[in-house]
Each structure stands twice: as structure tokens, then as C-alpha cells.
Amino acid sequence: MYKPLITNASKTFGNNRWIAYSSKLQREVFLFSDLEYEHWLIIESNPTIIDFCEQPLLMNANINGKLMASIIDMWVKYDTGHEEFIEIKYSSDLTKQRVINQIAIQKHWCNEHGFQHHVRTEEHIRTNRMLLSNLKILVKGHKQQKHQLDTDRYLIMKILKGATAKIPLTFLIQETKIPQNRLFLSIGQMILNGEVYSNISQQYYGLNTEVWVDV
């Protein structure tokens, strides 16, 4: 629905750029701070979010009688059809006049067009540092194995779909005979793709990680 207005080719925007590959979008995404990158990790791994776009739209609004513009950080769409726009800011920046104006423009535009608007800070995004640490590991693993082996996925899903409880990775290694390192990569990719649920928000990724499917 949207395409990013600002990409890595834009030399004048941002001083802390990240380029990441999104399996969800099947393209590279361009992020302009550590906080935006960490927010993307959460968006990418959320199975209820089916689409998103970074830097998707230039919003215009009259603020105190003056026409002003701001590019919003992200648009997301959920599997329910609900859409919303998100601005990502460090909490220390929220009192700066430039940021106050940006948020006012965005909120005004969203109100006029019937969209929800949210501001996400490190207080929201970094609430669960264990989850972020795990997601960073999974993304690194995904770079090593961009194309998941279909046989791995078939064997894993065959067990998970027949299970009535959450399954630890130790059991999957034992039952599938997939080498441990390869299974870690395959499961990690399936978590990022939203194919399986996991408890990586509660413990570090490893042999005791539990996975399951919502069937």
C-alpha cells in the first residue's frame, strides 16, 4: 500500500542507519536509529502484523495557522484489517519544539483521516530486553540461512501440528534428527516469519526454548 519515501540513498537523513532484510515484506528496510531498528524487530516478528512500511507518508497539517509537514516513521496493518501510524522517538526528545511540532502534525493528520497514531519511545520498545536480544540473534541467523530448507520445515511442522503442548527444541532435535545448529536457524526463521509461536520473550533462545502453533 505504501512505499518508503526515504531510503539508504538519502544522504542527508539520519546519522545512524540500519539496513535489514524483512522476510515479511520480501525487501530491505531502511531504519535511522537503534531505536527504530529495535522497533522493527518487534514488528517483523509479530505474526498479527501482516504488512508495514517505514517512512511511508508525508503528512501535512495547519498548526497555529501555519502549514507544516512531517514524515511519519511507520505504518502497520494487522490481520484484522486495522491500520495505524507510529512515530518512534527517544523520550529525551519529546520536549524539543521540533519534535512537539512533528507529533502535532501527525496527530492532526491521523485524526482528520481516521487513523490511530502512537508515539513509541524506549520505554515501550525496550521493556523486554530479553526479547530484543533473542530477536537480534534470530535475525543474524536468518542472514546465514536466507532460504530455509523445506525438509526442515516439513519435519518441524509435522510434530508441532500434532502436539497438544508446547515443544522444547531438545525434543525437536531428538525427533527430527536435524543437526542442532541447523534446527536453531530453521526455528529462528519460522519464529521471525510468524509460522510458530515461542517463549523467547521469557527466556533466552536455546535448547530449552519452547515452540508451538496456533491450530
C-alpha atoms as a PDB file:
ATOM      1  CA  MET A   1       0.000   0.000   0.000  1.00  0.00           C
ATOM      2  CA  TYR A   2       2.838   2.376   0.838  1.00  0.00           C
ATOM      3  CA  LYS A   3       6.443   2.665  -0.321  1.00  0.00           C
ATOM      4  CA  PRO A   4       9.219   4.215   1.800  1.00  0.00           C
ATOM      5  CA  LEU A   5       9.825   7.867   0.970  1.00  0.00           C
ATOM      6  CA  ILE A   6      13.326   7.808   2.418  1.00  0.00           C
ATOM      7  CA  THR A   7      15.858   5.080   1.675  1.00  0.00           C
ATOM      8  CA  ASN A   8      19.513   4.480   2.348  1.00  0.00           C
ATOM      9  CA  ALA A   9      20.316   6.555  -0.719  1.00  0.00           C
ATOM     10  CA  SER A  10      19.204   9.659   1.155  1.00  0.00           C
ATOM     11  CA  LYS A  11      22.493  11.037   2.447  1.00  0.00           C
ATOM     12  CA  THR A  12      21.030  13.915   4.434  1.00  0.00           C
ATOM     13  CA  PHE A  13      18.630  11.981   6.658  1.00  0.00           C
ATOM     14  CA  GLY A  14      19.693  10.286   9.855  1.00  0.00           C
ATOM     15  CA  ASN A  15      23.149   9.588  11.237  1.00  0.00           C
ATOM     16  CA  ASN A  16      22.692   6.021  12.453  1.00  0.00           C
ATOM     17  CA  ARG A  17      21.329   4.000   9.571  1.00  0.00           C
ATOM     18  CA  TRP A  18      20.383   0.334   9.631  1.00  0.00           C
ATOM     19  CA  ILE A  19      19.659  -1.818   6.586  1.00  0.00           C
ATOM     20  CA  ALA A  20      17.766  -5.017   7.390  1.00  0.00           C
ATOM     21  CA  TYR A  21      16.028  -7.645   5.277  1.00  0.00           C
ATOM     22  CA  SER A  22      12.348  -8.181   6.015  1.00  0.00           C
ATOM     23  CA  SER A  23      11.008 -11.641   5.231  1.00  0.00           C
ATOM     24  CA  LYS A  24       7.540 -10.234   5.794  1.00  0.00           C
ATOM     25  CA  LEU A  25       7.954  -7.646   3.028  1.00  0.00           C
ATOM     26  CA  GLN A  26      10.496  -9.567   0.926  1.00  0.00           C
ATOM     27  CA  ARG A  27      12.693  -6.464   0.679  1.00  0.00           C
ATOM     28  CA  GLU A  28      15.278  -4.432   2.537  1.00  0.00           C
ATOM     29  CA  VAL A  29      14.048  -1.918   5.092  1.00  0.00           C
ATOM     30  CA  PHE A  30      15.843   1.314   5.950  1.00  0.00           C
ATOM     31  CA  LEU A  31      15.923   2.451   9.564  1.00  0.00           C
ATOM     32  CA  PHE A  32      17.515   5.551  11.009  1.00  0.00           C
ATOM     33  CA  SER A  33      18.277   4.880  14.666  1.00  0.00           C
ATOM     34  CA  ASP A  34      18.973   1.991  17.020  1.00  0.00           C
ATOM     35  CA  LEU A  35      15.508   2.520  18.460  1.00  0.00           C
ATOM     36  CA  GLU A  36      13.865   2.269  15.018  1.00  0.00           C
ATOM     37  CA  TYR A  37      15.802  -0.957  14.400  1.00  0.00           C
ATOM     38  CA  GLU A  38      14.661  -2.484  17.682  1.00  0.00           C
ATOM     39  CA  HIS A  39      11.083  -1.430  16.961  1.00  0.00           C
ATOM     40  CA  TRP A  40      11.321  -3.091  13.542  1.00  0.00           C
ATOM     41  CA  LEU A  41      12.453  -6.343  15.192  1.00  0.00           C
ATOM     42  CA  ILE A  42       9.224  -6.383  17.212  1.00  0.00           C
ATOM     43  CA  ILE A  43       7.080  -5.529  14.172  1.00  0.00           C
ATOM     44  CA  GLU A  44       8.796  -8.101  11.945  1.00  0.00           C
ATOM     45  CA  SER A  45       8.300 -10.914  14.459  1.00  0.00           C
ATOM     46  CA  ASN A  46       4.682 -10.094  15.349  1.00  0.00           C
ATOM     47  CA  PRO A  47       2.511 -12.653  13.496  1.00  0.00           C
ATOM     48  CA  THR A  48      -0.597 -10.451  13.831  1.00  0.00           C
ATOM     49  CA  ILE A  49       1.050  -7.716  11.723  1.00  0.00           C
ATOM     50  CA  ILE A  50       0.729  -8.651   8.058  1.00  0.00           C
ATOM     51  CA  ASP A  51       2.133  -5.514   6.432  1.00  0.00           C
ATOM     52  CA  PHE A  52       4.124  -2.431   7.320  1.00  0.00           C
ATOM     53  CA  CYS A  53       6.169   0.329   5.744  1.00  0.00           C
ATOM     54  CA  GLU A  54       8.892   2.557   7.127  1.00  0.00           C
ATOM     55  CA  GLN A  55       8.840   6.316   6.334  1.00  0.00           C
ATOM     56  CA  PRO A  56       5.595   5.742   4.377  1.00  0.00           C
ATOM     57  CA  LEU A  57       3.906   9.122   4.140  1.00  0.00           C
ATOM     58  CA  LEU A  58       4.391  12.898   4.246  1.00  0.00           C
ATOM     59  CA  MET A  59       1.668  14.303   6.490  1.00  0.00           C
ATOM     60  CA  ASN A  60       0.545  17.931   6.229  1.00  0.00           C
ATOM     61  CA  ALA A  61      -1.432  19.949   8.764  1.00  0.00           C
ATOM     62  CA  ASN A  62      -2.145  23.531   9.754  1.00  0.00           C
ATOM     63  CA  ILE A  63      -0.589  24.131  13.161  1.00  0.00           C
ATOM     64  CA  ASN A  64      -1.169  27.571  14.714  1.00  0.00           C
ATOM     65  CA  GLY A  65      -2.121  28.934  11.318  1.00  0.00           C
ATOM     66  CA  LYS A  66       0.975  27.606   9.575  1.00  0.00           C
ATOM     67  CA  LEU A  67       1.089  24.736   7.074  1.00  0.00           C
ATOM     68  CA  MET A  68       3.637  22.203   8.304  1.00  0.00           C
ATOM     69  CA  ALA A  69       4.753  18.744   7.154  1.00  0.00           C
ATOM     70  CA  SER A  70       6.241  15.630   8.745  1.00  0.00           C
ATOM     71  CA  ILE A  71       7.192  12.158   7.522  1.00  0.00           C
ATOM     72  CA  ILE A  72       5.810   9.511   9.882  1.00  0.00           C
ATOM     73  CA  ASP A  73       8.164   6.686  10.910  1.00  0.00           C
ATOM     74  CA  MET A  74       5.946   3.657  10.287  1.00  0.00           C
ATOM     75  CA  TRP A  75       2.587   2.389   9.070  1.00  0.00           C
ATOM     76  CA  VAL A  76       1.405  -1.064  10.180  1.00  0.00           C
ATOM     77  CA  LYS A  77      -1.534  -3.249   9.205  1.00  0.00           C
ATOM     78  CA  TYR A  78      -2.877  -6.099  11.356  1.00  0.00           C
ATOM     79  CA  ASP A  79      -4.561  -9.324  10.276  1.00  0.00           C
ATOM     80  CA  THR A  80      -7.857  -7.810  11.482  1.00  0.00           C
ATOM     81  CA  GLY A  81      -7.552  -5.086   8.839  1.00  0.00           C
ATOM     82  CA  HIS A  82      -6.768  -2.421  11.458  1.00  0.00           C
ATOM     83  CA  GLU A  83      -4.156   0.136  10.372  1.00  0.00           C
ATOM     84  CA  GLU A  84      -2.188   2.644  12.447  1.00  0.00           C
ATOM     85  CA  PHE A  85       0.734   5.035  12.200  1.00  0.00           C
ATOM     86  CA  ILE A  86       3.656   5.066  14.619  1.00  0.00           C
ATOM     87  CA  GLU A  87       6.290   7.678  15.424  1.00  0.00           C
ATOM     88  CA  ILE A  88       9.443   6.461  17.171  1.00  0.00           C
ATOM     89  CA  LYS A  89      11.264   8.864  19.453  1.00  0.00           C
ATOM     90  CA  TYR A  90      13.654   8.814  22.387  1.00  0.00           C
ATOM     91  CA  SER A  91      11.848  10.117  25.444  1.00  0.00           C
ATOM     92  CA  SER A  92      14.534  12.773  25.927  1.00  0.00           C
ATOM     93  CA  ASP A  93      13.496  14.321  22.593  1.00  0.00           C
ATOM     94  CA  LEU A  94       9.794  14.682  23.379  1.00  0.00           C
ATOM     95  CA  THR A  95      10.236  18.150  24.914  1.00  0.00           C
ATOM     96  CA  LYS A  96      12.056  19.557  21.876  1.00  0.00           C
ATOM     97  CA  GLN A  97       9.927  22.003  19.916  1.00  0.00           C
ATOM     98  CA  ARG A  98      10.753  20.361  16.588  1.00  0.00           C
ATOM     99  CA  VAL A  99       9.509  17.014  17.897  1.00  0.00           C
ATOM    100  CA  ILE A 100       6.444  18.586  19.515  1.00  0.00           C
ATOM    101  CA  ASN A 101       5.566  20.085  16.115  1.00  0.00           C
ATOM    102  CA  GLN A 102       6.170  16.774  14.323  1.00  0.00           C
ATOM    103  CA  ILE A 103       3.851  14.873  16.630  1.00  0.00           C
ATOM    104  CA  ALA A 104       1.189  17.599  16.479  1.00  0.00           C
ATOM    105  CA  ILE A 105       1.216  17.440  12.665  1.00  0.00           C
ATOM    106  CA  GLN A 106       0.932  13.664  12.657  1.00  0.00           C
ATOM    107  CA  LYS A 107      -1.835  13.504  15.244  1.00  0.00           C
ATOM    108  CA  HIS A 108      -3.821  16.186  13.413  1.00  0.00           C
ATOM    109  CA  TRP A 109      -3.470  14.346  10.086  1.00  0.00           C
ATOM    110  CA  CYS A 110      -4.423  10.983  11.619  1.00  0.00           C
ATOM    111  CA  ASN A 111      -7.469  12.476  13.344  1.00  0.00           C
ATOM    112  CA  GLU A 112      -8.640  14.004  10.067  1.00  0.00           C
ATOM    113  CA  HIS A 113      -8.177  10.749   8.143  1.00  0.00           C
ATOM    114  CA  GLY A 114      -9.500   8.340  10.774  1.00  0.00           C
ATOM    115  CA  PHE A 115      -6.266   6.575  11.758  1.00  0.00           C
ATOM    116  CA  GLN A 116      -4.821   5.825  15.171  1.00  0.00           C
ATOM    117  CA  HIS A 117      -1.488   7.472  15.971  1.00  0.00           C
ATOM    118  CA  HIS A 118       1.012   6.203  18.535  1.00  0.00           C
ATOM    119  CA  VAL A 119       4.328   7.505  19.811  1.00  0.00           C
ATOM    120  CA  ARG A 120       6.719   4.738  20.832  1.00  0.00           C
ATOM    121  CA  THR A 121       9.762   5.512  22.992  1.00  0.00           C
ATOM    122  CA  GLU A 122      12.494   3.359  24.501  1.00  0.00           C
ATOM    123  CA  GLU A 123      10.192   2.936  27.495  1.00  0.00           C
ATOM    124  CA  HIS A 124       7.806   0.973  25.241  1.00  0.00           C
ATOM    125  CA  ILE A 125      10.262  -0.666  22.861  1.00  0.00           C
ATOM    126  CA  ARG A 126      12.892  -1.749  25.385  1.00  0.00           C
ATOM    127  CA  THR A 127      10.510  -3.052  28.015  1.00  0.00           C
ATOM    128  CA  ASN A 128      11.635  -6.627  27.345  1.00  0.00           C
ATOM    129  CA  ARG A 129      15.378  -6.606  26.700  1.00  0.00           C
ATOM    130  CA  MET A 130      15.480 -10.405  26.663  1.00  0.00           C
ATOM    131  CA  LEU A 131      13.076 -10.481  23.717  1.00  0.00           C
ATOM    132  CA  LEU A 132      15.125  -7.890  21.824  1.00  0.00           C
ATOM    133  CA  SER A 133      18.330  -9.828  22.491  1.00  0.00           C
ATOM    134  CA  ASN A 134      16.732 -13.015  21.165  1.00  0.00           C
ATOM    135  CA  LEU A 135      15.323 -11.297  18.081  1.00  0.00           C
ATOM    136  CA  LYS A 136      18.755  -9.886  17.211  1.00  0.00           C
ATOM    137  CA  ILE A 137      20.164 -13.423  17.376  1.00  0.00           C
ATOM    138  CA  LEU A 138      17.389 -14.757  15.131  1.00  0.00           C
ATOM    139  CA  VAL A 139      17.949 -12.017  12.557  1.00  0.00           C
ATOM    140  CA  LYS A 140      21.677 -12.809  12.433  1.00  0.00           C
ATOM    141  CA  GLY A 141      20.827 -16.470  11.937  1.00  0.00           C
ATOM    142  CA  HIS A 142      18.417 -15.582   9.163  1.00  0.00           C
ATOM    143  CA  LYS A 143      21.263 -13.899   7.267  1.00  0.00           C
ATOM    144  CA  GLN A 144      23.145 -17.204   7.364  1.00  0.00           C
ATOM    145  CA  GLN A 145      20.166 -19.176   6.075  1.00  0.00           C
ATOM    146  CA  LYS A 146      18.084 -16.941   3.845  1.00  0.00           C
ATOM    147  CA  HIS A 147      16.364 -19.887   2.188  1.00  0.00           C
ATOM    148  CA  GLN A 148      15.012 -22.306   4.744  1.00  0.00           C
ATOM    149  CA  LEU A 149      15.247 -25.974   3.873  1.00  0.00           C
ATOM    150  CA  ASP A 150      11.751 -27.227   3.048  1.00  0.00           C
ATOM    151  CA  THR A 151      12.521 -30.600   4.603  1.00  0.00           C
ATOM    152  CA  ASP A 152      13.306 -28.951   7.951  1.00  0.00           C
ATOM    153  CA  ARG A 153      10.071 -27.021   7.935  1.00  0.00           C
ATOM    154  CA  TYR A 154       8.047 -30.109   6.991  1.00  0.00           C
ATOM    155  CA  LEU A 155       9.524 -32.227   9.796  1.00  0.00           C
ATOM    156  CA  ILE A 156       9.129 -29.483  12.395  1.00  0.00           C
ATOM    157  CA  MET A 157       5.546 -28.591  11.466  1.00  0.00           C
ATOM    158  CA  LYS A 158       4.533 -32.255  11.346  1.00  0.00           C
ATOM    159  CA  ILE A 159       5.455 -32.572  15.022  1.00  0.00           C
ATOM    160  CA  LEU A 160       4.089 -29.217  16.150  1.00  0.00           C
ATOM    161  CA  LYS A 161       0.716 -29.624  14.440  1.00  0.00           C
ATOM    162  CA  GLY A 162       0.219 -32.972  16.140  1.00  0.00           C
ATOM    163  CA  ALA A 163       1.256 -31.732  19.563  1.00  0.00           C
ATOM    164  CA  THR A 164      -1.095 -30.784  22.388  1.00  0.00           C
ATOM    165  CA  ALA A 165       1.555 -28.922  24.380  1.00  0.00           C
ATOM    166  CA  LYS A 166       4.485 -26.579  23.848  1.00  0.00           C
ATOM    167  CA  ILE A 167       7.520 -28.403  22.479  1.00  0.00           C
ATOM    168  CA  PRO A 168      11.125 -27.712  23.611  1.00  0.00           C
ATOM    169  CA  LEU A 169      13.836 -27.574  20.959  1.00  0.00           C
ATOM    170  CA  THR A 170      15.616 -30.503  22.631  1.00  0.00           C
ATOM    171  CA  PHE A 171      12.636 -32.704  21.727  1.00  0.00           C
ATOM    172  CA  LEU A 172      12.563 -31.440  18.123  1.00  0.00           C
ATOM    173  CA  ILE A 173      16.266 -32.192  17.697  1.00  0.00           C
ATOM    174  CA  GLN A 174      15.744 -35.698  19.049  1.00  0.00           C
ATOM    175  CA  GLU A 175      12.676 -36.454  16.921  1.00  0.00           C
ATOM    176  CA  THR A 176      13.667 -34.798  13.626  1.00  0.00           C
ATOM    177  CA  LYS A 177      17.376 -35.722  13.715  1.00  0.00           C
ATOM    178  CA  ILE A 178      18.097 -32.245  12.331  1.00  0.00           C
ATOM    179  CA  PRO A 179      21.565 -31.044  13.478  1.00  0.00           C
ATOM    180  CA  GLN A 180      21.265 -28.642  16.398  1.00  0.00           C
ATOM    181  CA  ASN A 181      22.751 -25.574  14.714  1.00  0.00           C
ATOM    182  CA  ARG A 182      20.621 -26.041  11.599  1.00  0.00           C
ATOM    183  CA  LEU A 183      17.456 -26.557  13.641  1.00  0.00           C
ATOM    184  CA  PHE A 184      18.191 -23.367  15.591  1.00  0.00           C
ATOM    185  CA  LEU A 185      18.436 -21.486  12.286  1.00  0.00           C
ATOM    186  CA  SER A 186      15.260 -23.048  10.867  1.00  0.00           C
ATOM    187  CA  ILE A 187      13.193 -22.494  14.014  1.00  0.00           C
ATOM    188  CA  GLY A 188      14.517 -18.946  14.247  1.00  0.00           C
ATOM    189  CA  GLN A 189      13.361 -18.241  10.715  1.00  0.00           C
ATOM    190  CA  MET A 190       9.937 -19.736  11.456  1.00  0.00           C
ATOM    191  CA  ILE A 191       9.597 -17.541  14.547  1.00  0.00           C
ATOM    192  CA  LEU A 192      10.522 -14.432  12.555  1.00  0.00           C
ATOM    193  CA  ASN A 193       8.075 -15.398   9.813  1.00  0.00           C
ATOM    194  CA  GLY A 194       5.288 -15.837  12.367  1.00  0.00           C
ATOM    195  CA  GLU A 195       4.816 -19.507  11.472  1.00  0.00           C
ATOM    196  CA  VAL A 196       5.325 -20.654  15.066  1.00  0.00           C
ATOM    197  CA  TYR A 197       4.872 -19.125  18.497  1.00  0.00           C
ATOM    198  CA  SER A 198       7.630 -19.259  21.108  1.00  0.00           C
ATOM    199  CA  ASN A 199       8.591 -18.238  24.618  1.00  0.00           C
ATOM    200  CA  ILE A 200      11.578 -16.091  23.580  1.00  0.00           C
ATOM    201  CA  SER A 201      10.040 -13.170  25.452  1.00  0.00           C
ATOM    202  CA  GLN A 202      10.529 -15.137  28.677  1.00  0.00           C
ATOM    203  CA  GLN A 203      13.888 -16.884  28.317  1.00  0.00           C
ATOM    204  CA  TYR A 204      17.000 -16.768  26.161  1.00  0.00           C
ATOM    205  CA  TYR A 205      16.921 -18.627  22.856  1.00  0.00           C
ATOM    206  CA  GLY A 206      18.428 -22.096  23.147  1.00  0.00           C
ATOM    207  CA  LEU A 207      17.749 -25.759  23.807  1.00  0.00           C
ATOM    208  CA  ASN A 208      15.034 -25.033  26.364  1.00  0.00           C
ATOM    209  CA  THR A 209      13.110 -22.669  24.080  1.00  0.00           C
ATOM    210  CA  GLU A 210       9.541 -23.876  23.572  1.00  0.00           C
ATOM    211  CA  VAL A 211       7.594 -23.538  20.316  1.00  0.00           C
ATOM    212  CA  TRP A 212       4.029 -24.266  19.264  1.00  0.00           C
ATOM    213  CA  VAL A 213       1.465 -23.481  16.574  1.00  0.00           C
ATOM    214  CA  ASP A 214      -1.944 -21.890  16.926  1.00  0.00           C
ATOM    215  CA  VAL A 215      -4.186 -24.522  15.325  1.00  0.00           C
END
